[in-house]
């Protein structure tokens, strides 16, 4: 009897194998939406990159509070790729049930929708996390749920204290392709916005300056202690490789901080307090040690555009925008 080629394969490994062999076949049919295995695999890679950019890695728990929809399965396989534990939540949980499961599971992130028919998820969620509306997206500090850092909502409308699923990835972007060289060469793409309403300034586009920045192997350790974001995917080679990465990756917010510091030097005489608004899309990961290049992309009014590429020239941050306070 021939050996089973899938006997020792992971859940993500099986998906990748099927996507490579039968990419054009349909994997999911959801209403009028038809998703091939190739598209599904690309969405999984993109969402996994988005979760990793938020700092999720092996041993963390992602709670999924969604009805049946493609994103449920995308998130499930993305978590499997990163070694993140899935906590499946009943869409009809009441507040006391939701609080109990989130507490007992030590969930780091919660993925939910806003409405399902007459059910208002946020009405229930605010009973569990009353301080959510005052939180900074991605930096939740709840006395009720001290482990929970991220609330991600699958909805078009922005909600205070939350990231949108579309901020982490876009199905259209994932289908179009992503970055090579992340997680062993698979395509990966993720989007994260720190300002829901920001858009690049008109006129931004041409490169006006470019600064090369060294990324030493120790940078993530320093940033980990300073930002108090502890995740071994940024500091432990074995953990990073177990998650399918070639090496530990720099925090997405650390990459953004490096970019902002260079832009402020060029456009605000180094006065960081003059920054009024910042937004960017995370479109890749930065391995360590390596280098990255921050590029100015033009200025219009009170805003300037910027982006970041890695040492191979692949995009790491795109659609970056800084807006400044008027000078008195």
Protein backbone atom coordinates (compact mmCIF):
# COMPACT_ATOMS: atom_id res chain seq x y z
CA UNK A 1 0.00 0.00 0.00
CA UNK A 2 1.36 3.41 -0.98
CA UNK A 3 2.16 5.79 1.85
CA UNK A 4 -0.37 8.53 2.51
CA UNK A 5 1.30 11.76 1.29
CA UNK A 6 -0.88 13.80 3.65
CA UNK A 7 -0.24 11.74 6.80
CA UNK A 8 2.29 14.19 8.24
CA UNK A 9 1.01 17.32 6.52
CA UNK A 10 -0.48 20.29 8.36
CA UNK A 11 -3.94 21.69 7.60
CA UNK A 12 -2.37 24.64 5.80
CA UNK A 13 0.03 22.32 3.97
CA UNK A 14 -2.89 20.31 2.61
CA UNK A 15 -4.61 23.47 1.39
CA UNK A 16 -1.42 24.66 -0.30
CA UNK A 17 -0.98 21.29 -2.00
CA UNK A 18 -4.55 21.25 -3.32
CA UNK A 19 -4.31 24.89 -4.44
CA UNK A 20 -1.14 24.06 -6.38
CA UNK A 21 -2.63 20.95 -7.97
CA UNK A 22 -6.24 22.01 -8.55
CA UNK A 23 -6.09 25.80 -8.31
CA UNK A 24 -8.87 26.46 -10.82
CA UNK A 25 -11.41 24.21 -9.10
CA UNK A 26 -14.06 25.72 -6.85
CA UNK A 27 -13.36 25.50 -3.13
CA UNK A 28 -16.26 27.60 -1.75
CA UNK A 29 -19.60 28.62 -3.19
CA UNK A 30 -21.31 31.28 -1.11
CA UNK A 31 -24.39 32.76 -2.73
CA UNK A 32 -23.20 34.28 -5.99
CA UNK A 33 -19.58 34.19 -4.89
CA UNK A 34 -17.45 31.35 -6.23
CA UNK A 35 -13.93 30.99 -4.83
CA UNK A 36 -11.35 28.74 -6.43
CA UNK A 37 -8.70 26.89 -4.43
CA UNK A 38 -6.05 29.26 -5.82
CA UNK A 39 -8.06 32.31 -4.72
CA UNK A 40 -8.82 30.74 -1.36
CA UNK A 41 -5.14 29.98 -0.78
CA UNK A 42 -4.19 33.55 -1.69
CA UNK A 43 -6.77 34.94 0.73
CA UNK A 44 -5.44 32.68 3.48
CA UNK A 45 -1.86 33.85 2.84
CA UNK A 46 -2.97 37.49 2.85
CA UNK A 47 -4.97 37.21 6.06
CA UNK A 48 -2.14 35.29 7.74
CA UNK A 49 0.25 38.11 6.85
CA UNK A 50 -2.22 40.60 8.30
CA UNK A 51 -2.50 38.68 11.57
CA UNK A 52 1.28 38.34 11.77
CA UNK A 53 1.64 42.10 11.23
CA UNK A 54 -0.57 42.58 14.29
CA UNK A 55 1.80 40.36 16.26
CA UNK A 56 -0.19 37.11 16.37
CA UNK A 57 1.89 33.96 16.36
CA UNK A 58 2.18 30.42 17.76
CA UNK A 59 0.22 29.92 20.96
CA UNK A 60 -1.95 33.01 20.60
CA UNK A 61 -5.71 32.54 20.37
CA UNK A 62 -8.01 34.05 17.74
CA UNK A 63 -11.68 34.01 18.67
CA UNK A 64 -14.02 33.87 15.65
CA UNK A 65 -17.53 35.19 16.22
CA UNK A 66 -18.89 35.05 12.70
CA UNK A 67 -21.82 33.41 10.95
CA UNK A 68 -21.08 31.11 8.01
CA UNK A 69 -19.17 33.10 5.38
CA UNK A 70 -15.89 32.69 3.45
CA UNK A 71 -13.89 34.76 5.93
CA UNK A 72 -14.56 32.16 8.65
CA UNK A 73 -12.63 29.57 6.66
CA UNK A 74 -9.99 32.04 5.52
CA UNK A 75 -9.30 33.00 9.14
CA UNK A 76 -9.26 29.35 10.23
CA UNK A 77 -6.55 28.37 7.74
CA UNK A 78 -4.62 31.63 8.23
CA UNK A 79 -4.47 30.88 11.95
CA UNK A 80 -3.34 27.33 11.23
CA UNK A 81 -0.53 28.65 9.08
CA UNK A 82 0.73 30.84 11.94
CA UNK A 83 0.20 28.31 14.73
CA UNK A 84 -2.57 30.45 16.21
CA UNK A 85 -5.30 28.63 18.15
CA UNK A 86 -8.88 29.09 16.92
CA UNK A 87 -11.64 29.69 19.46
CA UNK A 88 -14.97 29.11 17.71
CA UNK A 89 -17.83 31.17 19.16
CA UNK A 90 -21.53 30.52 18.72
CA UNK A 91 -23.04 33.41 16.72
CA UNK A 92 -25.91 33.59 19.23
CA UNK A 93 -23.86 33.83 22.42
CA UNK A 94 -25.17 36.19 25.08
CA UNK A 95 -22.86 38.58 26.91
CA UNK A 96 -22.12 36.30 29.87
CA UNK A 97 -21.30 33.38 27.54
CA UNK A 98 -19.05 35.52 25.36
CA UNK A 99 -17.20 36.93 28.37
CA UNK A 100 -16.63 33.48 29.83
CA UNK A 101 -15.19 31.98 26.63
CA UNK A 102 -12.96 34.97 25.85
CA UNK A 103 -11.60 34.93 29.40
CA UNK A 104 -11.03 31.19 29.62
CA UNK A 105 -9.38 31.01 26.18
CA UNK A 106 -7.03 33.97 26.79
CA UNK A 107 -7.98 35.22 23.33
CA UNK A 108 -5.53 37.75 21.89
CA UNK A 109 -7.82 38.81 19.04
CA UNK A 110 -11.54 38.68 18.30
CA UNK A 111 -12.93 38.53 14.75
CA UNK A 112 -16.63 39.32 14.49
CA UNK A 113 -19.33 40.81 12.31
CA UNK A 114 -21.56 43.72 13.26
CA UNK A 115 -25.03 42.33 12.51
CA UNK A 116 -26.72 39.05 11.70
CA UNK A 117 -30.39 39.66 10.99
CA UNK A 118 -31.82 41.17 14.17
CA UNK A 119 -28.69 40.36 16.21
CA UNK A 120 -26.49 43.35 17.04
CA UNK A 121 -23.06 41.91 17.89
CA UNK A 122 -21.71 45.20 19.19
CA UNK A 123 -24.57 45.65 21.60
CA UNK A 124 -23.51 42.36 23.19
CA UNK A 125 -19.79 43.11 22.89
CA UNK A 126 -20.10 46.46 24.68
CA UNK A 127 -21.60 44.65 27.64
CA UNK A 128 -18.40 42.61 27.80
CA UNK A 129 -15.94 45.38 26.87
CA UNK A 130 -17.55 48.70 27.84
CA UNK A 131 -14.31 50.61 27.23
CA UNK A 132 -13.91 49.39 23.63
CA UNK A 133 -15.20 52.62 22.07
CA UNK A 134 -12.43 54.59 23.79
CA UNK A 135 -9.64 52.20 22.84
CA UNK A 136 -7.00 52.69 20.18
CA UNK A 137 -7.37 50.05 17.44
CA UNK A 138 -4.84 47.31 18.04
CA UNK A 139 -4.00 48.51 21.55
CA UNK A 140 -7.03 47.49 23.60
CA UNK A 141 -6.44 47.40 27.35
CA UNK A 142 -9.53 45.93 28.97
CA UNK A 143 -9.72 45.24 32.68
CA UNK A 144 -12.25 42.50 31.96
CA UNK A 145 -10.13 40.82 29.26
CA UNK A 146 -6.46 41.72 29.84
CA UNK A 147 -5.18 39.34 27.12
CA UNK A 148 -7.39 40.76 24.36
CA UNK A 149 -5.54 43.29 22.20
CA UNK A 150 -7.34 43.33 18.85
CA UNK A 151 -10.99 43.49 17.83
CA UNK A 152 -11.43 42.96 14.08
CA UNK A 153 -14.84 43.52 12.51
CA UNK A 154 -15.94 42.14 9.15
CA UNK A 155 -18.01 45.14 8.09
CA UNK A 156 -17.76 48.12 5.77
CA UNK A 157 -18.40 50.71 8.49
CA UNK A 158 -15.61 51.67 10.92
CA UNK A 159 -16.24 51.00 14.61
CA UNK A 160 -14.39 52.80 17.43
CA UNK A 161 -11.57 50.74 18.91
CA UNK A 162 -11.68 48.18 16.08
CA UNK A 163 -9.78 47.27 12.96
CA UNK A 164 -11.75 46.22 9.91
CA UNK A 165 -11.04 42.88 8.29
CA UNK A 166 -10.53 44.79 5.04
CA UNK A 167 -7.74 46.73 6.78
CA UNK A 168 -5.86 43.44 7.18
CA UNK A 169 -6.41 42.16 3.68
CA UNK A 170 -8.47 42.67 0.56
CA UNK A 171 -9.84 39.63 -1.28
CA UNK A 172 -9.28 41.45 -4.56
CA UNK A 173 -5.67 42.27 -3.65
CA UNK A 174 -5.08 38.68 -2.55
CA UNK A 175 -6.44 37.33 -5.83
CA UNK A 176 -4.18 39.69 -7.76
CA UNK A 177 -1.09 38.31 -6.09
CA UNK A 178 1.20 39.29 -3.27
CA UNK A 179 4.76 39.29 -2.09
CA UNK A 180 7.22 36.55 -2.84
CA UNK A 181 9.67 35.53 -0.19
CA UNK A 182 7.29 35.53 2.76
CA UNK A 183 6.64 32.23 4.46
CA UNK A 184 8.73 30.17 2.07
CA UNK A 185 7.77 31.99 -1.13
CA UNK A 186 3.98 31.89 -0.98
CA UNK A 187 2.13 35.06 -1.96
CA UNK A 188 1.18 37.20 1.01
CA UNK A 189 -0.50 40.55 1.29
CA UNK A 190 -2.03 42.39 4.21
CA UNK A 191 -3.46 45.81 4.76
CA UNK A 192 -3.67 47.66 8.05
CA UNK A 193 -4.80 51.23 8.49
CA UNK A 194 -4.10 53.42 11.50
CA UNK A 195 -6.50 56.08 10.25
CA UNK A 196 -9.83 54.89 8.92
CA UNK A 197 -10.64 57.92 6.79
CA UNK A 198 -7.17 58.87 5.54
CA UNK A 199 -6.24 58.72 1.87
CA UNK A 200 -3.03 59.62 0.04
CA UNK A 201 -2.69 63.33 -0.75
CA UNK A 202 -3.41 64.33 -4.30
CA UNK A 203 -0.22 64.78 -6.27
CA UNK A 204 1.65 62.08 -4.35
CA UNK A 205 3.41 59.61 -6.60
CA UNK A 206 6.92 60.53 -7.76
CA UNK A 207 9.80 59.62 -5.46
CA UNK A 208 11.17 62.85 -3.96
CA UNK A 209 13.65 61.31 -1.51
CA UNK A 210 14.79 57.86 -0.41
CA UNK A 211 16.49 56.85 2.85
CA UNK A 212 18.02 53.44 3.43
CA UNK A 213 17.56 52.13 6.98
CA UNK A 214 19.45 49.21 8.51
CA UNK A 215 17.32 46.62 10.34
CA UNK A 216 19.65 44.72 12.69
CA UNK A 217 18.75 41.31 14.06
CA UNK A 218 18.27 42.82 17.53
CA UNK A 219 15.83 45.55 16.54
CA UNK A 220 12.68 43.53 17.24
CA UNK A 221 13.94 42.67 20.73
CA UNK A 222 14.47 46.35 21.53
CA UNK A 223 11.06 47.28 20.10
CA UNK A 224 9.42 44.39 21.96
CA UNK A 225 10.57 45.78 25.30
CA UNK A 226 9.82 49.41 24.45
CA UNK A 227 6.36 48.80 22.95
CA UNK A 228 5.54 45.96 25.36
CA UNK A 229 4.46 43.73 22.46
CA UNK A 230 5.74 40.28 23.32
CA UNK A 231 5.47 37.73 20.55
CA UNK A 232 8.17 35.14 19.76
CA UNK A 233 7.49 35.39 16.02
CA UNK A 234 9.55 38.60 16.22
CA UNK A 235 12.39 37.29 18.36
CA UNK A 236 12.66 33.49 18.09
CA UNK A 237 14.03 31.89 14.90
CA UNK A 238 12.46 28.49 15.67
CA UNK A 239 9.03 29.99 16.25
CA UNK A 240 9.23 32.08 13.08
CA UNK A 241 10.20 29.04 11.00
CA UNK A 242 7.42 26.98 12.57
CA UNK A 243 5.02 29.67 11.35
CA UNK A 244 6.35 29.28 7.81
CA UNK A 245 8.65 32.31 7.83
CA UNK A 246 12.29 32.28 6.79
CA UNK A 247 13.36 34.37 9.79
CA UNK A 248 11.88 36.48 12.59
CA UNK A 249 10.01 39.50 11.28
CA UNK A 250 10.02 43.07 12.47
CA UNK A 251 6.80 44.34 14.02
CA UNK A 252 4.62 46.09 11.46
CA UNK A 253 4.27 49.07 13.78
CA UNK A 254 8.06 49.23 14.14
CA UNK A 255 8.40 49.43 10.36
CA UNK A 256 5.83 52.21 10.32
CA UNK A 257 7.65 54.05 13.11
CA UNK A 258 10.90 53.95 11.12
CA UNK A 259 9.10 55.32 8.08
CA UNK A 260 7.42 58.10 10.04
CA UNK A 261 10.70 59.16 11.64
CA UNK A 262 12.34 59.57 8.24
CA UNK A 263 9.36 61.44 6.78
CA UNK A 264 9.26 63.79 9.78
CA UNK A 265 12.95 64.55 9.33
CA UNK A 266 12.36 65.51 5.71
CA UNK A 267 9.12 67.42 6.07
CA UNK A 268 8.78 68.68 9.65
CA UNK A 269 12.34 69.39 10.82
CA UNK A 270 12.21 66.33 13.08
CA UNK A 271 9.25 67.65 15.09
CA UNK A 272 7.17 64.51 15.65
CA UNK A 273 4.57 66.52 17.61
CA UNK A 274 3.58 68.24 14.37
CA UNK A 275 2.07 65.02 12.98
CA UNK A 276 -1.72 65.16 13.04
CA UNK A 277 -2.66 61.96 11.22
CA UNK A 278 -0.94 58.88 9.85
CA UNK A 279 -2.15 56.01 7.72
CA UNK A 280 -0.53 53.20 5.76
CA UNK A 281 -1.11 49.73 4.37
CA UNK A 282 1.10 46.86 5.46
CA UNK A 283 1.84 44.95 2.27
CA UNK A 284 4.65 42.70 3.40
CA UNK A 285 7.01 41.68 6.16
CA UNK A 286 10.53 42.77 7.06
CA UNK A 287 12.94 39.96 7.92
CA UNK A 288 15.93 40.52 10.20
CA UNK A 289 18.69 41.33 9.68
CA UNK A 290 18.08 43.28 6.48
CA UNK A 291 17.61 46.79 5.17
CA UNK A 292 14.59 48.77 4.08
CA UNK A 293 14.19 51.96 2.08
CA UNK A 294 11.72 54.70 3.04
CA UNK A 295 10.67 56.83 0.07
CA UNK A 296 8.91 60.18 -0.08
CA UNK A 297 6.11 60.18 -2.65
CA UNK A 298 5.24 63.82 -3.03
CA UNK A 299 3.46 66.52 -1.06
CA UNK A 300 0.14 68.32 -1.39
CA UNK A 301 -1.35 70.74 1.12
CA UNK A 302 -0.83 69.51 4.67
CA UNK A 303 -0.12 65.91 3.60
CA UNK A 304 2.81 63.95 2.23
CA UNK A 305 2.93 60.47 0.75
CA UNK A 306 5.48 57.78 1.58
CA UNK A 307 6.11 54.07 1.11
CA UNK A 308 8.66 51.46 2.18
CA UNK A 309 10.36 48.66 0.23
CA UNK A 310 12.58 45.88 1.53
CA UNK A 311 16.13 45.19 0.36
CA UNK A 312 14.80 43.14 -2.56
CA UNK A 313 12.69 46.12 -3.68
CA UNK A 314 9.38 44.50 -2.73
CA UNK A 315 6.74 46.77 -1.10
CA UNK A 316 6.44 46.61 2.67
CA UNK A 317 4.28 49.68 3.34
CA UNK A 318 2.17 51.34 0.66
CA UNK A 319 -0.28 54.25 0.47
CA UNK A 320 1.45 55.90 3.41
CA UNK A 321 0.21 59.36 4.34
CA UNK A 322 1.29 61.89 6.94
CA UNK A 323 -0.73 65.01 7.66
CA UNK A 324 0.63 67.80 9.78
CA UNK A 325 -0.83 70.39 12.10
CA UNK A 326 -0.74 73.95 10.81
CA UNK A 327 2.35 75.79 11.98
CA UNK A 328 1.55 78.71 14.22
